[in-house]
Amino acid sequence: MSLHRLTRPHPEPQVSFLLLSGGVGARSNHHEPKQFYKLSGHPMVAHSIIAAVRTPNVAEIVVNAPKGFEERTREIMEAYCAGLPYKIIPAGATRQESCEALVAAAEKDVVVLHEAARPFIKVDMLSELIENDAENAGYCLAISFSMCRINTETRLVKRGVSREKVFDIQLPQKFARDTLLAAHAKARKKGKSYNEDSVMVVKMTKQPVLSLEGSSRNIKITTPEDFIIAEGMMKDFHSKGKVPAHD
């Protein structure tokens, strides 16, 4: 596997890019973990790596590998990192454990957390997040559809949920490394489980997390239908800067 060389910008890098890529993608019904699905000719995880490599402030990439896919992950990192330092960390039993392992392995005081299942990430998105003055920040998207609460036992509708007060939490997210580490440690000690990190940081450390305006294109690929949607979206996603081809 080879890649036409990506060029690295010159500013002093100062951020660790943490890439959650340890899941097995059970809901996707793909024959292997979904991060290895070939999307527009590249493994899905590679699209996030390419964006990180092209972002001036990124000093290293720290990525999870599912058990049994360590060498596959290493091959992809070698092919796409363009000389940028990287580390491969074993995936945990949960997303929360995988994320904590990534943060613990990071070398920089500022970390940006992303996930391989969101391949529609661009340099300007990362740069906007990194350059924001807030220590902790992430992307959130207003929800455009109606929602309600349901009694999960009886399946009866209980009440509506106001769209004005609920937002879709997206990645990437930026944190002070010490703050995110402290949040994980406290959550582990208290036996608390979280599906994402911005709420965990607020609840466990009381530190503020700024919400930046998300994008409807920043989808997370989860189901078999999402692969079809992503293929269509990817056709024009890199029209202003083609993803380098590999053999």
C-alpha atoms as a PDB file:
ATOM      1  CA  MET A   1       0.000   0.000   0.000  1.00  0.00           C
ATOM      2  CA  SER A   2       1.558   3.313  -1.045  1.00  0.00           C
ATOM      3  CA  LEU A   3       0.463   6.917  -1.139  1.00  0.00           C
ATOM      4  CA  HIS A   4       1.435   9.997  -3.109  1.00  0.00           C
ATOM      5  CA  ARG A   5       3.172  12.144  -0.484  1.00  0.00           C
ATOM      6  CA  LEU A   6       1.039  14.559   1.485  1.00  0.00           C
ATOM      7  CA  THR A   7       2.668  17.877   2.301  1.00  0.00           C
ATOM      8  CA  ARG A   8       2.843  19.041   5.897  1.00  0.00           C
ATOM      9  CA  PRO A   9       2.291  22.745   6.728  1.00  0.00           C
ATOM     10  CA  HIS A  10       5.034  24.499   8.686  1.00  0.00           C
ATOM     11  CA  PRO A  11       3.605  26.028  11.920  1.00  0.00           C
ATOM     12  CA  GLU A  12       4.780  24.434  15.174  1.00  0.00           C
ATOM     13  CA  PRO A  13       2.431  21.519  15.910  1.00  0.00           C
ATOM     14  CA  GLN A  14       0.883  21.522  19.368  1.00  0.00           C
ATOM     15  CA  VAL A  15      -2.055  19.105  19.369  1.00  0.00           C
ATOM     16  CA  SER A  16      -2.465  15.344  19.742  1.00  0.00           C
ATOM     17  CA  PHE A  17      -5.123  13.976  17.378  1.00  0.00           C
ATOM     18  CA  LEU A  18      -6.939  11.089  19.066  1.00  0.00           C
ATOM     19  CA  LEU A  19      -8.780   8.791  16.683  1.00  0.00           C
ATOM     20  CA  LEU A  20     -11.325   6.324  18.038  1.00  0.00           C
ATOM     21  CA  SER A  21     -11.082   3.332  15.726  1.00  0.00           C
ATOM     22  CA  GLY A  22     -11.468   0.368  18.040  1.00  0.00           C
ATOM     23  CA  GLY A  23     -15.059  -0.668  17.434  1.00  0.00           C
ATOM     24  CA  VAL A  24     -16.107  -3.761  15.529  1.00  0.00           C
ATOM     25  CA  GLY A  25     -19.060  -2.090  13.784  1.00  0.00           C
ATOM     26  CA  ALA A  26     -21.635  -4.735  14.731  1.00  0.00           C
ATOM     27  CA  ARG A  27     -24.589  -2.593  13.605  1.00  0.00           C
ATOM     28  CA  SER A  28     -23.090  -1.996  10.164  1.00  0.00           C
ATOM     29  CA  ASN A  29     -23.339  -5.665   9.126  1.00  0.00           C
ATOM     30  CA  HIS A  30     -20.002  -5.256   7.337  1.00  0.00           C
ATOM     31  CA  HIS A  31     -17.773  -8.337   7.184  1.00  0.00           C
ATOM     32  CA  GLU A  32     -15.020  -6.557   9.116  1.00  0.00           C
ATOM     33  CA  PRO A  33     -14.815  -3.468  11.370  1.00  0.00           C
ATOM     34  CA  LYS A  34     -16.428  -0.616   9.440  1.00  0.00           C
ATOM     35  CA  GLN A  35     -13.375   1.653   9.717  1.00  0.00           C
ATOM     36  CA  PHE A  36     -11.706  -0.575   7.108  1.00  0.00           C
ATOM     37  CA  TYR A  37     -14.574  -0.264   4.610  1.00  0.00           C
ATOM     38  CA  LYS A  38     -13.280   1.136   1.309  1.00  0.00           C
ATOM     39  CA  LEU A  39     -14.971   4.531   0.949  1.00  0.00           C
ATOM     40  CA  SER A  40     -14.117   6.323  -2.281  1.00  0.00           C
ATOM     41  CA  GLY A  41     -11.148   3.990  -2.703  1.00  0.00           C
ATOM     42  CA  HIS A  42      -9.683   4.488   0.765  1.00  0.00           C
ATOM     43  CA  PRO A  43     -10.266   2.790   4.122  1.00  0.00           C
ATOM     44  CA  MET A  44     -12.813   4.880   6.003  1.00  0.00           C
ATOM     45  CA  VAL A  45     -10.337   5.597   8.790  1.00  0.00           C
ATOM     46  CA  ALA A  46      -7.891   7.054   6.257  1.00  0.00           C
ATOM     47  CA  HIS A  47     -10.110  10.060   5.539  1.00  0.00           C
ATOM     48  CA  SER A  48      -9.696  11.278   9.136  1.00  0.00           C
ATOM     49  CA  ILE A  49      -5.953  10.595   9.016  1.00  0.00           C
ATOM     50  CA  ILE A  50      -5.598  12.647   5.824  1.00  0.00           C
ATOM     51  CA  ALA A  51      -7.378  15.614   7.420  1.00  0.00           C
ATOM     52  CA  ALA A  52      -5.158  15.393  10.515  1.00  0.00           C
ATOM     53  CA  VAL A  53      -1.965  15.203   8.469  1.00  0.00           C
ATOM     54  CA  ARG A  54      -2.973  18.327   6.544  1.00  0.00           C
ATOM     55  CA  THR A  55      -3.800  20.319   9.698  1.00  0.00           C
ATOM     56  CA  PRO A  56      -0.838  22.488  10.757  1.00  0.00           C
ATOM     57  CA  ASN A  57      -1.270  22.140  14.530  1.00  0.00           C
ATOM     58  CA  VAL A  58      -1.440  18.348  14.685  1.00  0.00           C
ATOM     59  CA  ALA A  59       1.783  16.908  16.135  1.00  0.00           C
ATOM     60  CA  GLU A  60       0.826  13.236  16.376  1.00  0.00           C
ATOM     61  CA  ILE A  61      -1.993  10.784  15.790  1.00  0.00           C
ATOM     62  CA  VAL A  62      -2.988   8.302  18.490  1.00  0.00           C
ATOM     63  CA  VAL A  63      -5.358   5.626  17.216  1.00  0.00           C
ATOM     64  CA  ASN A  64      -7.096   2.536  18.594  1.00  0.00           C
ATOM     65  CA  ALA A  65      -6.919  -0.851  16.907  1.00  0.00           C
ATOM     66  CA  PRO A  66      -9.511  -3.601  17.383  1.00  0.00           C
ATOM     67  CA  LYS A  67      -8.111  -6.886  18.634  1.00  0.00           C
ATOM     68  CA  GLY A  68      -6.770  -8.865  15.700  1.00  0.00           C
ATOM     69  CA  PHE A  69      -6.499  -5.809  13.445  1.00  0.00           C
ATOM     70  CA  GLU A  70      -3.321  -4.274  14.851  1.00  0.00           C
ATOM     71  CA  GLU A  71      -1.213  -5.012  11.767  1.00  0.00           C
ATOM     72  CA  ARG A  72      -3.971  -3.865   9.423  1.00  0.00           C
ATOM     73  CA  THR A  73      -4.157  -0.593  11.336  1.00  0.00           C
ATOM     74  CA  ARG A  74      -0.370  -0.199  11.217  1.00  0.00           C
ATOM     75  CA  GLU A  75      -0.334  -0.668   7.436  1.00  0.00           C
ATOM     76  CA  ILE A  76      -2.905   2.083   7.025  1.00  0.00           C
ATOM     77  CA  MET A  77      -1.042   4.441   9.353  1.00  0.00           C
ATOM     78  CA  GLU A  78       2.212   3.865   7.487  1.00  0.00           C
ATOM     79  CA  ALA A  79       0.503   4.508   4.166  1.00  0.00           C
ATOM     80  CA  TYR A  80      -1.374   7.676   5.130  1.00  0.00           C
ATOM     81  CA  CYS A  81       0.531   9.452   7.925  1.00  0.00           C
ATOM     82  CA  ALA A  82       3.150  10.957   5.592  1.00  0.00           C
ATOM     83  CA  GLY A  83       5.830  10.789   8.286  1.00  0.00           C
ATOM     84  CA  LEU A  84       3.649  12.277  11.026  1.00  0.00           C
ATOM     85  CA  PRO A  85       4.331  10.426  14.321  1.00  0.00           C
ATOM     86  CA  TYR A  86       1.643   7.983  15.369  1.00  0.00           C
ATOM     87  CA  LYS A  87       0.834   5.477  18.109  1.00  0.00           C
ATOM     88  CA  ILE A  88      -1.473   2.470  17.966  1.00  0.00           C
ATOM     89  CA  ILE A  89      -3.259   1.729  21.248  1.00  0.00           C
ATOM     90  CA  PRO A  90      -5.300  -1.414  21.985  1.00  0.00           C
ATOM     91  CA  ALA A  91      -9.039  -0.798  22.054  1.00  0.00           C
ATOM     92  CA  GLY A  92     -10.837  -1.049  25.371  1.00  0.00           C
ATOM     93  CA  ALA A  93     -13.932  -3.070  26.134  1.00  0.00           C
ATOM     94  CA  THR A  94     -16.048   0.104  25.785  1.00  0.00           C
ATOM     95  CA  ARG A  95     -15.798   3.384  23.916  1.00  0.00           C
ATOM     96  CA  GLN A  96     -15.084   5.106  27.222  1.00  0.00           C
ATOM     97  CA  GLU A  97     -12.141   2.796  27.959  1.00  0.00           C
ATOM     98  CA  SER A  98     -10.782   3.233  24.441  1.00  0.00           C
ATOM     99  CA  CYS A  99     -10.933   7.009  24.738  1.00  0.00           C
ATOM    100  CA  GLU A 100      -9.239   7.049  28.132  1.00  0.00           C
ATOM    101  CA  ALA A 101      -6.399   4.943  26.729  1.00  0.00           C
ATOM    102  CA  LEU A 102      -5.928   7.390  23.854  1.00  0.00           C
ATOM    103  CA  VAL A 103      -5.808  10.399  26.196  1.00  0.00           C
ATOM    104  CA  ALA A 104      -3.328   8.686  28.499  1.00  0.00           C
ATOM    105  CA  ALA A 105      -1.010   8.002  25.545  1.00  0.00           C
ATOM    106  CA  ALA A 106      -1.157  11.560  24.147  1.00  0.00           C
ATOM    107  CA  GLU A 107       1.969  13.695  24.493  1.00  0.00           C
ATOM    108  CA  LYS A 108       0.516  17.181  23.969  1.00  0.00           C
ATOM    109  CA  ASP A 109      -1.380  19.338  26.458  1.00  0.00           C
ATOM    110  CA  VAL A 110      -4.215  19.853  23.955  1.00  0.00           C
ATOM    111  CA  VAL A 111      -6.046  16.895  22.434  1.00  0.00           C
ATOM    112  CA  VAL A 112      -8.570  16.695  19.618  1.00  0.00           C
ATOM    113  CA  LEU A 113     -10.847  13.663  19.776  1.00  0.00           C
ATOM    114  CA  HIS A 114     -12.395  12.256  16.617  1.00  0.00           C
ATOM    115  CA  GLU A 115     -13.836   8.938  15.448  1.00  0.00           C
ATOM    116  CA  ALA A 116     -13.133   6.939  12.306  1.00  0.00           C
ATOM    117  CA  ALA A 117     -16.881   6.535  11.700  1.00  0.00           C
ATOM    118  CA  ARG A 118     -17.070  10.252  10.797  1.00  0.00           C
ATOM    119  CA  PRO A 119     -15.024  10.462   7.573  1.00  0.00           C
ATOM    120  CA  PHE A 120     -16.386  13.813   6.374  1.00  0.00           C
ATOM    121  CA  ILE A 121     -13.873  15.862   8.308  1.00  0.00           C
ATOM    122  CA  LYS A 122     -11.967  18.745   6.721  1.00  0.00           C
ATOM    123  CA  VAL A 123      -8.915  20.769   7.650  1.00  0.00           C
ATOM    124  CA  ASP A 124     -10.944  23.953   8.160  1.00  0.00           C
ATOM    125  CA  MET A 125     -13.163  22.130  10.662  1.00  0.00           C
ATOM    126  CA  LEU A 126     -10.142  20.996  12.664  1.00  0.00           C
ATOM    127  CA  SER A 127      -8.438  24.379  12.414  1.00  0.00           C
ATOM    128  CA  GLU A 128     -11.551  26.254  13.583  1.00  0.00           C
ATOM    129  CA  LEU A 129     -11.774  23.969  16.605  1.00  0.00           C
ATOM    130  CA  ILE A 130      -8.076  24.121  17.508  1.00  0.00           C
ATOM    131  CA  GLU A 131      -7.797  27.885  17.065  1.00  0.00           C
ATOM    132  CA  ASN A 132     -10.869  28.672  19.168  1.00  0.00           C
ATOM    133  CA  ASP A 133      -9.932  30.361  22.450  1.00  0.00           C
ATOM    134  CA  ALA A 134     -12.006  27.936  24.538  1.00  0.00           C
ATOM    135  CA  GLU A 135      -9.986  25.199  26.247  1.00  0.00           C
ATOM    136  CA  ASN A 136     -12.773  22.694  25.701  1.00  0.00           C
ATOM    137  CA  ALA A 137     -15.060  22.809  22.684  1.00  0.00           C
ATOM    138  CA  GLY A 138     -16.924  20.607  20.237  1.00  0.00           C
ATOM    139  CA  TYR A 139     -19.391  20.659  17.390  1.00  0.00           C
ATOM    140  CA  CYS A 140     -23.134  20.408  17.985  1.00  0.00           C
ATOM    141  CA  LEU A 141     -25.887  20.449  15.356  1.00  0.00           C
ATOM    142  CA  ALA A 142     -29.447  21.656  15.846  1.00  0.00           C
ATOM    143  CA  ILE A 143     -31.921  18.794  15.448  1.00  0.00           C
ATOM    144  CA  SER A 144     -34.410  19.325  12.624  1.00  0.00           C
ATOM    145  CA  PHE A 145     -36.935  16.625  13.486  1.00  0.00           C
ATOM    146  CA  SER A 146     -39.501  16.070  16.227  1.00  0.00           C
ATOM    147  CA  MET A 147     -38.699  13.893  19.217  1.00  0.00           C
ATOM    148  CA  CYS A 148     -40.526  12.353  22.161  1.00  0.00           C
ATOM    149  CA  ARG A 149     -39.919  10.300  25.264  1.00  0.00           C
ATOM    150  CA  ILE A 150     -41.240   6.732  25.259  1.00  0.00           C
ATOM    151  CA  ASN A 151     -41.788   4.307  28.098  1.00  0.00           C
ATOM    152  CA  THR A 152     -39.395   1.580  26.978  1.00  0.00           C
ATOM    153  CA  GLU A 153     -41.384  -1.136  28.749  1.00  0.00           C
ATOM    154  CA  THR A 154     -44.897  -0.285  27.529  1.00  0.00           C
ATOM    155  CA  ARG A 155     -43.797   1.467  24.292  1.00  0.00           C
ATOM    156  CA  LEU A 156     -46.285   4.235  25.062  1.00  0.00           C
ATOM    157  CA  VAL A 157     -45.462   7.845  24.177  1.00  0.00           C
ATOM    158  CA  LYS A 158     -44.929   9.932  27.316  1.00  0.00           C
ATOM    159  CA  ARG A 159     -44.257  13.489  26.131  1.00  0.00           C
ATOM    160  CA  GLY A 160     -42.552  15.595  23.516  1.00  0.00           C
ATOM    161  CA  VAL A 161     -38.986  16.909  23.697  1.00  0.00           C
ATOM    162  CA  SER A 162     -38.295  20.524  22.733  1.00  0.00           C
ATOM    163  CA  ARG A 163     -35.971  20.745  19.721  1.00  0.00           C
ATOM    164  CA  GLU A 164     -34.754  24.154  20.912  1.00  0.00           C
ATOM    165  CA  LYS A 165     -33.042  22.561  23.903  1.00  0.00           C
ATOM    166  CA  VAL A 166     -31.581  19.416  22.304  1.00  0.00           C
ATOM    167  CA  PHE A 167     -28.608  19.176  19.935  1.00  0.00           C
ATOM    168  CA  ASP A 168     -26.799  16.411  18.087  1.00  0.00           C
ATOM    169  CA  ILE A 169     -23.314  16.021  19.575  1.00  0.00           C
ATOM    170  CA  GLN A 170     -20.685  15.639  16.847  1.00  0.00           C
ATOM    171  CA  LEU A 171     -16.971  15.023  16.786  1.00  0.00           C
ATOM    172  CA  PRO A 172     -14.264  16.328  16.587  1.00  0.00           C
ATOM    173  CA  GLN A 173     -13.994  17.753  20.099  1.00  0.00           C
ATOM    174  CA  LYS A 174     -11.074  19.607  21.715  1.00  0.00           C
ATOM    175  CA  PHE A 175     -10.027  19.347  25.366  1.00  0.00           C
ATOM    176  CA  ALA A 176      -7.241  20.271  27.700  1.00  0.00           C
ATOM    177  CA  ARG A 177      -5.598  16.867  28.161  1.00  0.00           C
ATOM    178  CA  ASP A 178      -5.477  17.118  31.969  1.00  0.00           C
ATOM    179  CA  THR A 179      -9.170  18.009  32.118  1.00  0.00           C
ATOM    180  CA  LEU A 180     -10.209  15.074  29.949  1.00  0.00           C
ATOM    181  CA  LEU A 181      -7.981  12.692  31.905  1.00  0.00           C
ATOM    182  CA  ALA A 182      -9.494  13.916  35.173  1.00  0.00           C
ATOM    183  CA  ALA A 183     -13.015  13.449  33.811  1.00  0.00           C
ATOM    184  CA  HIS A 184     -12.281   9.866  32.789  1.00  0.00           C
ATOM    185  CA  ALA A 185     -10.644   9.045  36.108  1.00  0.00           C
ATOM    186  CA  LYS A 186     -13.567  10.429  38.105  1.00  0.00           C
ATOM    187  CA  ALA A 187     -16.149   8.682  35.911  1.00  0.00           C
ATOM    188  CA  ARG A 188     -14.308   5.379  36.321  1.00  0.00           C
ATOM    189  CA  LYS A 189     -14.109   5.833  40.103  1.00  0.00           C
ATOM    190  CA  LYS A 190     -17.830   6.609  40.317  1.00  0.00           C
ATOM    191  CA  GLY A 191     -18.794   3.807  37.938  1.00  0.00           C
ATOM    192  CA  LYS A 192     -20.396   6.276  35.508  1.00  0.00           C
ATOM    193  CA  SER A 193     -20.754   5.448  31.809  1.00  0.00           C
ATOM    194  CA  TYR A 194     -20.801   8.026  29.009  1.00  0.00           C
ATOM    195  CA  ASN A 195     -21.221   7.630  25.259  1.00  0.00           C
ATOM    196  CA  GLU A 196     -19.268  10.794  24.519  1.00  0.00           C
ATOM    197  CA  ASP A 197     -16.876  13.115  26.284  1.00  0.00           C
ATOM    198  CA  SER A 198     -18.153  16.696  26.328  1.00  0.00           C
ATOM    199  CA  VAL A 199     -21.016  15.886  28.708  1.00  0.00           C
ATOM    200  CA  MET A 200     -18.665  13.745  30.797  1.00  0.00           C
ATOM    201  CA  VAL A 201     -16.237  16.671  31.147  1.00  0.00           C
ATOM    202  CA  VAL A 202     -19.031  19.021  32.248  1.00  0.00           C
ATOM    203  CA  LYS A 203     -20.523  16.507  34.709  1.00  0.00           C
ATOM    204  CA  MET A 204     -17.270  15.161  36.163  1.00  0.00           C
ATOM    205  CA  THR A 205     -15.055  18.281  36.257  1.00  0.00           C
ATOM    206  CA  LYS A 206     -17.535  21.200  36.080  1.00  0.00           C
ATOM    207  CA  GLN A 207     -15.339  22.700  33.356  1.00  0.00           C
ATOM    208  CA  PRO A 208     -17.227  24.462  30.530  1.00  0.00           C
ATOM    209  CA  VAL A 209     -17.374  23.036  27.012  1.00  0.00           C
ATOM    210  CA  LEU A 210     -18.155  25.490  24.207  1.00  0.00           C
ATOM    211  CA  SER A 211     -20.591  24.415  21.499  1.00  0.00           C
ATOM    212  CA  LEU A 212     -19.549  25.268  17.936  1.00  0.00           C
ATOM    213  CA  GLU A 213     -21.997  25.046  15.051  1.00  0.00           C
ATOM    214  CA  GLY A 214     -21.906  21.568  13.549  1.00  0.00           C
ATOM    215  CA  SER A 215     -22.543  20.446   9.985  1.00  0.00           C
ATOM    216  CA  SER A 216     -25.272  18.238   8.519  1.00  0.00           C
ATOM    217  CA  ARG A 217     -22.561  16.650   6.342  1.00  0.00           C
ATOM    218  CA  ASN A 218     -20.609  15.461   9.369  1.00  0.00           C
ATOM    219  CA  ILE A 219     -22.517  12.189   9.548  1.00  0.00           C
ATOM    220  CA  LYS A 220     -21.573   9.127  11.563  1.00  0.00           C
ATOM    221  CA  ILE A 221     -21.618   5.886   9.600  1.00  0.00           C
ATOM    222  CA  THR A 222     -23.395   3.219  11.621  1.00  0.00           C
ATOM    223  CA  THR A 223     -25.904   1.213   9.572  1.00  0.00           C
ATOM    224  CA  PRO A 224     -25.638  -0.546   6.170  1.00  0.00           C
ATOM    225  CA  GLU A 225     -27.683   2.279   4.633  1.00  0.00           C
ATOM    226  CA  ASP A 226     -25.108   4.798   5.829  1.00  0.00           C
ATOM    227  CA  PHE A 227     -22.467   3.254   3.539  1.00  0.00           C
ATOM    228  CA  ILE A 228     -24.671   3.980   0.523  1.00  0.00           C
ATOM    229  CA  ILE A 229     -25.310   7.558   1.669  1.00  0.00           C
ATOM    230  CA  ALA A 230     -21.596   8.114   2.340  1.00  0.00           C
ATOM    231  CA  GLU A 231     -20.566   6.880  -1.101  1.00  0.00           C
ATOM    232  CA  GLY A 232     -22.850   9.436  -2.706  1.00  0.00           C
ATOM    233  CA  MET A 233     -21.670  12.239  -0.448  1.00  0.00           C
ATOM    234  CA  MET A 234     -18.000  11.451  -0.970  1.00  0.00           C
ATOM    235  CA  LYS A 235     -18.219  11.939  -4.758  1.00  0.00           C
ATOM    236  CA  ASP A 236     -18.025  15.714  -4.443  1.00  0.00           C
ATOM    237  CA  PHE A 237     -16.603  16.028  -0.913  1.00  0.00           C
ATOM    238  CA  HIS A 238     -12.997  16.405  -2.084  1.00  0.00           C
ATOM    239  CA  SER A 239     -13.793  18.198  -5.353  1.00  0.00           C
ATOM    240  CA  LYS A 240     -11.629  21.182  -4.336  1.00  0.00           C
ATOM    241  CA  GLY A 241      -8.729  19.038  -3.196  1.00  0.00           C
ATOM    242  CA  LYS A 242      -8.629  15.440  -4.294  1.00  0.00           C
ATOM    243  CA  VAL A 243      -7.714  12.785  -1.792  1.00  0.00           C
ATOM    244  CA  PRO A 244      -4.333  11.397  -2.899  1.00  0.00           C
ATOM    245  CA  ALA A 245      -4.699   8.063  -4.643  1.00  0.00           C
ATOM    246  CA  HIS A 246      -2.879   4.968  -3.439  1.00  0.00           C
ATOM    247  CA  ASP A 247      -1.956   1.824  -5.292  1.00  0.00           C
END
